Amino acid sequence: MSTPTTSAPPPGTQDPPPSRTPPRRTRSPSRTGWRRALRKDWQLYSLAVLPLLFFLVFRYLPMIGNVIAFRRFEPGGSILGEHWVGLRYVEMFLSDPTFWQVFRNTLWLGGLTLVFCFPIPIVLALLLNEVRRRSLKRFVQSVSYLPHFLSIVIVAGITLQMLATDGPVNHVLAWFGHDPIRFIQEPEWFRTLYVGSEIWQTAGWGTILYLAALTTIDEDLYEAARIDGANRWQQTWHVTLPGIRPTMVTLLILNIGTFMAVGFEKVLLLYNPLTYPTADVISTYLYRTGVESNSFSYAAAIGLFEAVIGLVLITSANQLSRRTVGTSLW
């Protein structure tokens, strides 16, 4: 029995092999998604133009001026300095005893501000959270928020008037038979005055973030703690504080980052030549050196040194917080 055979087609009638066309390039999904979102919500993205321009013009472009820390700058000459001098100005302020005195004052004021001004808003927020009468709570919040809306000039003026030699505080001391105290002229009183005014001005406003964080804590956690027999203090320690810990850590890292940048305006308004030994900080020293004495290159070198210390502090605090607490800014 013969099997059927298929004959091959003639040589000229075969179909040509399929041509290998290069694969079509596809756009990245992330790129197309970004463009689609930009076309859809361009009105919202346009709101970010002005803030970005602000940071570009007033934060990033001035960084170019740091080059005069290594170049000799002369008023009326090139904005980037006349000629290269290397680390001359760095060596100058490192060997200047006045700078190290100012540096110690900055550490003292920054440390005292961090120690006292950081925990007080937390305590105030916890106390306000325990107030049950809304009218009393709103009254306390309004009174504590009010100093934040006063300008630093007004706060400094109130401080100087209250603590003057013939001011209300010394009048009260005179009623008790105490001699007048020269709060404004005595160097040992300046740190107390500065930290006290900072607490009065910033404590109330700092509670806003903590009160907002307290509203995110689940009420079931408090109910479970009460069932386990926890009192109010134990509930605060084991439920409330862990609930606001991310907010606390974030603000602590930000405060550490500005540790060296002690308030220039308030110190400038409160201090005087008699209180320089404890009141003069890096920012005010830079003002007198750069603006009043026209030593811009020397002041730029000190400012760059201060910025590097701030960068190291905030980076170290962020890494330490990430490893120990598990919360960080980046």
Protein backbone atom coordinates (compact mmCIF):
# COMPACT_ATOMS: atom_id res chain seq x y z
CA MET A 1 0.00 0.00 0.00
CA SER A 2 1.58 3.23 -1.08
CA THR A 3 1.67 6.28 1.18
CA PRO A 4 0.72 9.67 -0.29
CA THR A 5 3.63 11.94 -0.98
CA THR A 6 3.59 15.73 -1.09
CA SER A 7 5.57 17.37 -3.76
CA ALA A 8 7.62 20.48 -2.96
CA PRO A 9 6.44 23.71 -4.59
CA PRO A 10 8.43 25.09 -7.47
CA PRO A 11 11.43 27.19 -6.50
CA GLY A 12 9.89 30.49 -7.60
CA THR A 13 6.60 30.11 -5.77
CA GLN A 14 7.82 29.87 -2.11
CA ASP A 15 6.74 32.54 0.39
CA PRO A 16 9.59 34.85 1.49
CA PRO A 17 10.75 34.45 5.10
CA PRO A 18 9.22 36.95 7.53
CA SER A 19 11.31 40.08 7.84
CA ARG A 20 12.75 40.90 11.27
CA THR A 21 11.52 44.39 12.10
CA PRO A 22 13.20 46.13 15.06
CA PRO A 23 10.99 46.19 18.18
CA ARG A 24 9.10 49.41 18.66
CA ARG A 25 10.41 51.49 21.51
CA THR A 26 7.83 51.92 24.24
CA ARG A 27 7.83 54.90 26.53
CA SER A 28 8.58 54.38 30.16
CA PRO A 29 5.37 54.03 32.21
CA SER A 30 6.70 56.42 34.80
CA ARG A 31 7.46 59.07 32.17
CA THR A 32 4.09 58.79 30.49
CA GLY A 33 2.33 58.74 33.87
CA TRP A 34 4.13 61.91 34.92
CA ARG A 35 3.23 63.68 31.70
CA ARG A 36 -0.38 62.57 31.94
CA ALA A 37 -0.60 63.81 35.53
CA LEU A 38 0.99 67.13 34.53
CA ARG A 39 -1.51 67.67 31.70
CA LYS A 40 -4.41 66.72 33.95
CA ASP A 41 -3.51 68.75 37.06
CA TRP A 42 -1.37 71.53 35.61
CA GLN A 43 -3.26 74.12 37.68
CA LEU A 44 -2.16 72.45 40.92
CA TYR A 45 1.43 72.06 39.76
CA SER A 46 1.54 75.71 38.76
CA LEU A 47 1.07 76.64 42.42
CA ALA A 48 4.52 75.20 43.14
CA VAL A 49 6.25 77.57 40.71
CA LEU A 50 6.56 80.52 43.10
CA PRO A 51 7.86 78.45 46.08
CA LEU A 52 10.40 76.79 43.80
CA LEU A 53 11.53 80.16 42.49
CA PHE A 54 11.80 81.46 46.05
CA PHE A 55 14.09 78.61 47.12
CA LEU A 56 16.08 78.88 43.90
CA VAL A 57 16.67 82.62 44.17
CA PHE A 58 17.03 83.03 47.94
CA ARG A 59 18.41 79.63 49.02
CA TYR A 60 20.39 77.94 46.26
CA LEU A 61 21.81 80.75 44.12
CA PRO A 62 23.38 82.50 47.16
CA MET A 63 25.37 79.31 47.79
CA ILE A 64 27.60 80.36 44.91
CA GLY A 65 28.80 83.21 47.11
CA ASN A 66 30.47 80.73 49.46
CA VAL A 67 33.40 80.75 47.07
CA ILE A 68 34.59 84.06 48.57
CA ALA A 69 35.48 82.09 51.70
CA PHE A 70 38.49 80.93 49.67
CA ARG A 71 39.00 84.08 47.58
CA ARG A 72 39.88 87.63 48.59
CA PHE A 73 36.80 89.83 48.19
CA GLU A 74 37.08 93.60 47.92
CA PRO A 75 34.03 95.91 47.88
CA GLY A 76 33.52 97.22 44.35
CA GLY A 77 35.41 94.36 42.74
CA SER A 78 34.29 91.01 41.38
CA ILE A 79 31.37 89.46 43.18
CA LEU A 80 33.26 86.14 43.31
CA GLY A 81 36.46 87.61 44.70
CA GLU A 82 39.66 88.93 43.21
CA HIS A 83 42.16 86.10 43.64
CA TRP A 84 42.43 82.70 45.31
CA VAL A 85 43.76 82.58 48.88
CA GLY A 86 42.91 79.00 49.82
CA LEU A 87 42.29 78.28 53.50
CA ARG A 88 43.72 81.57 54.75
CA TYR A 89 40.46 82.82 56.27
CA VAL A 90 39.69 79.42 57.79
CA GLU A 91 43.05 79.46 59.55
CA MET A 92 42.36 83.02 60.72
CA PHE A 93 39.12 82.29 62.56
CA LEU A 94 40.37 78.95 63.90
CA SER A 95 43.24 80.80 65.59
CA ASP A 96 41.05 83.70 66.76
CA PRO A 97 40.16 83.45 70.50
CA THR A 98 37.16 85.75 69.98
CA PHE A 99 35.64 83.26 67.56
CA TRP A 100 35.92 80.39 70.05
CA GLN A 101 34.26 82.48 72.73
CA VAL A 102 31.42 83.22 70.30
CA PHE A 103 31.30 79.54 69.37
CA ARG A 104 30.91 78.52 73.02
CA ASN A 105 28.14 81.09 73.50
CA THR A 106 26.34 79.65 70.47
CA LEU A 107 26.58 76.14 71.88
CA TRP A 108 25.26 77.31 75.24
CA LEU A 109 22.29 79.21 73.83
CA GLY A 110 21.50 76.50 71.29
CA GLY A 111 21.70 73.76 73.90
CA LEU A 112 19.56 75.61 76.45
CA THR A 113 16.98 76.47 73.79
CA LEU A 114 16.79 72.83 72.69
CA VAL A 115 16.57 71.47 76.24
CA PHE A 116 13.82 73.81 77.40
CA CYS A 117 11.92 74.87 74.27
CA PHE A 118 11.55 71.40 72.78
CA PRO A 119 9.81 69.45 75.61
CA ILE A 120 7.59 72.28 76.91
CA PRO A 121 5.20 72.21 73.89
CA ILE A 122 4.84 68.44 74.38
CA VAL A 123 3.95 68.87 78.05
CA LEU A 124 1.54 71.70 77.24
CA ALA A 125 -0.15 69.62 74.53
CA LEU A 126 -0.57 66.68 76.92
CA LEU A 127 -2.08 68.95 79.56
CA LEU A 128 -4.45 70.56 77.07
CA ASN A 129 -5.48 67.12 75.87
CA GLU A 130 -6.67 66.31 79.38
CA VAL A 131 -8.88 69.41 79.64
CA ARG A 132 -12.52 68.43 79.20
CA ARG A 133 -14.12 71.89 79.16
CA ARG A 134 -13.91 73.19 75.60
CA SER A 135 -14.25 76.82 76.63
CA LEU A 136 -11.30 76.60 79.00
CA LYS A 137 -9.25 74.67 76.45
CA ARG A 138 -9.89 77.25 73.73
CA PHE A 139 -9.05 80.11 76.10
CA VAL A 140 -5.72 78.54 77.09
CA GLN A 141 -4.89 77.82 73.46
CA SER A 142 -5.66 81.37 72.37
CA VAL A 143 -3.59 82.90 75.16
CA SER A 144 -0.64 80.58 74.49
CA TYR A 145 -0.77 81.09 70.70
CA LEU A 146 -0.88 84.89 70.86
CA PRO A 147 2.87 85.58 71.44
CA HIS A 148 3.72 83.73 68.24
CA PHE A 149 1.97 86.39 66.17
CA LEU A 150 4.00 89.19 67.75
CA SER A 151 7.07 90.31 65.85
CA ILE A 152 10.48 89.72 67.37
CA VAL A 153 10.93 93.48 67.71
CA ILE A 154 7.81 93.71 69.90
CA VAL A 155 8.86 90.68 71.98
CA ALA A 156 12.33 92.17 72.52
CA GLY A 157 10.80 95.55 73.40
CA ILE A 158 8.45 94.00 75.95
CA THR A 159 11.35 92.08 77.48
CA LEU A 160 13.54 95.16 77.75
CA GLN A 161 10.76 97.27 79.25
CA MET A 162 9.71 94.63 81.77
CA LEU A 163 13.26 93.97 82.95
CA ALA A 164 14.62 97.50 82.90
CA THR A 165 16.14 98.93 86.07
CA ASP A 166 12.98 100.96 86.67
CA GLY A 167 10.67 98.35 85.11
CA PRO A 168 7.78 96.41 86.64
CA VAL A 169 9.91 93.41 87.67
CA ASN A 170 12.29 95.56 89.70
CA HIS A 171 9.35 97.43 91.22
CA VAL A 172 7.97 94.12 92.48
CA LEU A 173 11.40 93.21 93.85
CA ALA A 174 11.57 96.58 95.61
CA TRP A 175 8.27 95.84 97.41
CA PHE A 176 9.95 92.80 98.96
CA GLY A 177 12.98 94.84 99.99
CA HIS A 178 15.28 93.61 97.23
CA ASP A 179 17.71 95.90 95.46
CA PRO A 180 17.10 96.48 91.73
CA ILE A 181 18.75 93.96 89.43
CA ARG A 182 20.28 95.09 86.16
CA PHE A 183 18.97 92.25 84.06
CA ILE A 184 19.85 93.89 80.75
CA GLN A 185 23.40 94.89 81.69
CA GLU A 186 24.51 91.77 83.55
CA PRO A 187 26.06 89.08 81.27
CA GLU A 188 25.02 86.20 83.52
CA TRP A 189 21.33 87.05 83.07
CA PHE A 190 21.27 87.12 79.26
CA ARG A 191 20.88 83.37 78.66
CA THR A 192 17.98 83.22 81.12
CA LEU A 193 16.27 86.17 79.44
CA TYR A 194 16.75 84.77 75.95
CA VAL A 195 15.52 81.25 76.75
CA GLY A 196 12.60 82.60 78.80
CA SER A 197 11.45 84.85 75.95
CA GLU A 198 11.78 81.95 73.50
CA ILE A 199 9.61 79.72 75.68
CA TRP A 200 6.97 82.44 76.04
CA GLN A 201 6.89 83.10 72.30
CA THR A 202 7.08 79.58 70.84
CA ALA A 203 5.62 77.14 73.40
CA GLY A 204 1.96 77.72 72.54
CA TRP A 205 2.44 77.58 68.79
CA GLY A 206 4.50 74.40 69.06
CA THR A 207 1.58 72.55 70.62
CA ILE A 208 -0.43 72.68 67.38
CA LEU A 209 1.43 69.80 65.74
CA TYR A 210 1.31 67.68 68.87
CA LEU A 211 -2.42 68.28 69.38
CA ALA A 212 -2.97 67.25 65.77
CA ALA A 213 -0.88 64.11 66.32
CA LEU A 214 -2.91 63.27 69.44
CA THR A 215 -6.11 63.13 67.37
CA THR A 216 -4.66 60.30 65.25
CA ILE A 217 -4.27 57.89 68.20
CA ASP A 218 -6.87 55.13 68.17
CA GLU A 219 -9.32 55.32 71.08
CA ASP A 220 -9.39 51.52 71.24
CA LEU A 221 -5.84 51.61 72.59
CA TYR A 222 -6.96 53.70 75.56
CA GLU A 223 -9.92 51.37 76.11
CA ALA A 224 -7.63 48.34 76.12
CA ALA A 225 -5.28 50.09 78.54
CA ARG A 226 -8.16 50.89 80.90
CA ILE A 227 -9.32 47.28 80.79
CA ASP A 228 -5.81 46.22 81.77
CA GLY A 229 -6.02 48.54 84.78
CA ALA A 230 -3.78 51.36 83.54
CA ASN A 231 -4.28 54.76 85.17
CA ARG A 232 -4.05 58.10 83.35
CA TRP A 233 -0.29 58.39 83.81
CA GLN A 234 0.29 54.85 82.54
CA GLN A 235 -1.99 55.50 79.55
CA THR A 236 0.00 58.62 78.75
CA TRP A 237 3.32 56.80 79.04
CA HIS A 238 2.38 53.62 77.14
CA VAL A 239 -0.19 54.91 74.63
CA THR A 240 -0.03 58.67 74.14
CA LEU A 241 3.72 59.20 73.96
CA PRO A 242 4.35 56.27 71.57
CA GLY A 243 1.51 57.58 69.42
CA ILE A 244 3.12 61.00 68.92
CA ARG A 245 6.70 59.69 68.82
CA PRO A 246 7.12 60.12 65.02
CA THR A 247 6.12 63.78 65.30
CA MET A 248 8.43 64.28 68.27
CA VAL A 249 11.39 62.71 66.48
CA THR A 250 10.81 64.70 63.28
CA LEU A 251 10.68 68.02 65.12
CA LEU A 252 13.70 67.06 67.23
CA ILE A 253 15.75 66.39 64.10
CA LEU A 254 14.70 69.73 62.62
CA ASN A 255 15.60 71.53 65.87
CA ILE A 256 19.00 69.85 65.96
CA GLY A 257 19.59 70.97 62.38
CA THR A 258 19.11 74.60 63.44
CA PHE A 259 21.11 74.11 66.63
CA MET A 260 23.87 76.49 65.55
CA ALA A 261 21.55 79.05 63.98
CA VAL A 262 20.51 80.71 67.23
CA GLY A 263 17.97 83.49 66.64
CA PHE A 264 19.95 86.35 65.13
CA GLU A 265 17.21 88.98 65.33
CA LYS A 266 16.35 88.49 68.99
CA VAL A 267 19.96 88.33 70.14
CA LEU A 268 20.76 91.47 68.13
CA LEU A 269 17.86 93.32 69.76
CA LEU A 270 18.53 92.15 73.31
CA TYR A 271 22.28 92.25 73.68
CA ASN A 272 24.66 95.16 74.18
CA PRO A 273 28.44 95.52 74.56
CA LEU A 274 28.17 94.77 78.29
CA THR A 275 26.65 91.34 77.63
CA TYR A 276 28.97 90.30 74.78
CA PRO A 277 30.79 87.70 76.94
CA THR A 278 27.63 85.54 77.08
CA ALA A 279 25.33 87.03 74.41
CA ASP A 280 27.50 87.30 71.32
CA VAL A 281 26.80 84.34 69.00
CA ILE A 282 28.09 83.36 65.57
CA SER A 283 25.29 85.08 63.65
CA THR A 284 25.78 88.44 65.40
CA TYR A 285 29.56 88.10 65.14
CA LEU A 286 29.17 87.53 61.40
CA TYR A 287 27.00 90.64 61.15
CA ARG A 288 29.59 92.84 62.85
CA THR A 289 32.49 91.28 60.98
CA GLY A 290 30.97 91.19 57.51
CA VAL A 291 28.56 94.12 57.33
CA GLU A 292 30.08 96.63 59.77
CA SER A 293 33.77 95.83 59.19
CA ASN A 294 33.50 94.87 55.47
CA SER A 295 35.41 91.61 56.05
CA PHE A 296 33.13 89.63 53.78
CA SER A 297 35.54 86.80 52.98
CA TYR A 298 36.33 86.23 56.65
CA ALA A 299 32.61 86.23 57.51
CA ALA A 300 31.86 83.85 54.63
CA ALA A 301 34.44 81.38 55.92
CA ILE A 302 32.86 81.41 59.39
CA GLY A 303 29.35 81.07 57.92
CA LEU A 304 30.45 78.11 55.81
CA PHE A 305 31.95 76.46 58.89
CA GLU A 306 28.66 76.96 60.75
CA ALA A 307 26.69 75.48 57.84
CA VAL A 308 28.91 72.40 57.72
CA ILE A 309 28.40 71.81 61.45
CA GLY A 310 24.63 72.12 61.00
CA LEU A 311 24.70 69.63 58.12
CA VAL A 312 26.69 67.14 60.18
CA LEU A 313 24.33 67.52 63.14
CA ILE A 314 21.11 66.99 61.18
CA THR A 315 22.57 64.06 59.22
CA SER A 316 23.86 62.37 62.38
CA ALA A 317 20.56 62.92 64.20
CA ASN A 318 18.65 61.47 61.26
CA GLN A 319 20.83 58.36 61.10
CA LEU A 320 20.70 57.86 64.86
CA SER A 321 16.92 58.22 64.88
CA ARG A 322 16.53 55.73 62.06
CA ARG A 323 18.61 53.10 63.83
CA THR A 324 17.23 53.54 67.34
CA VAL A 325 13.60 54.65 66.89
CA GLY A 326 12.87 53.67 63.29
CA THR A 327 11.66 57.17 62.33
CA SER A 328 13.64 59.61 60.19
CA LEU A 329 13.25 62.44 57.72
CA TRP A 330 14.85 60.55 54.83
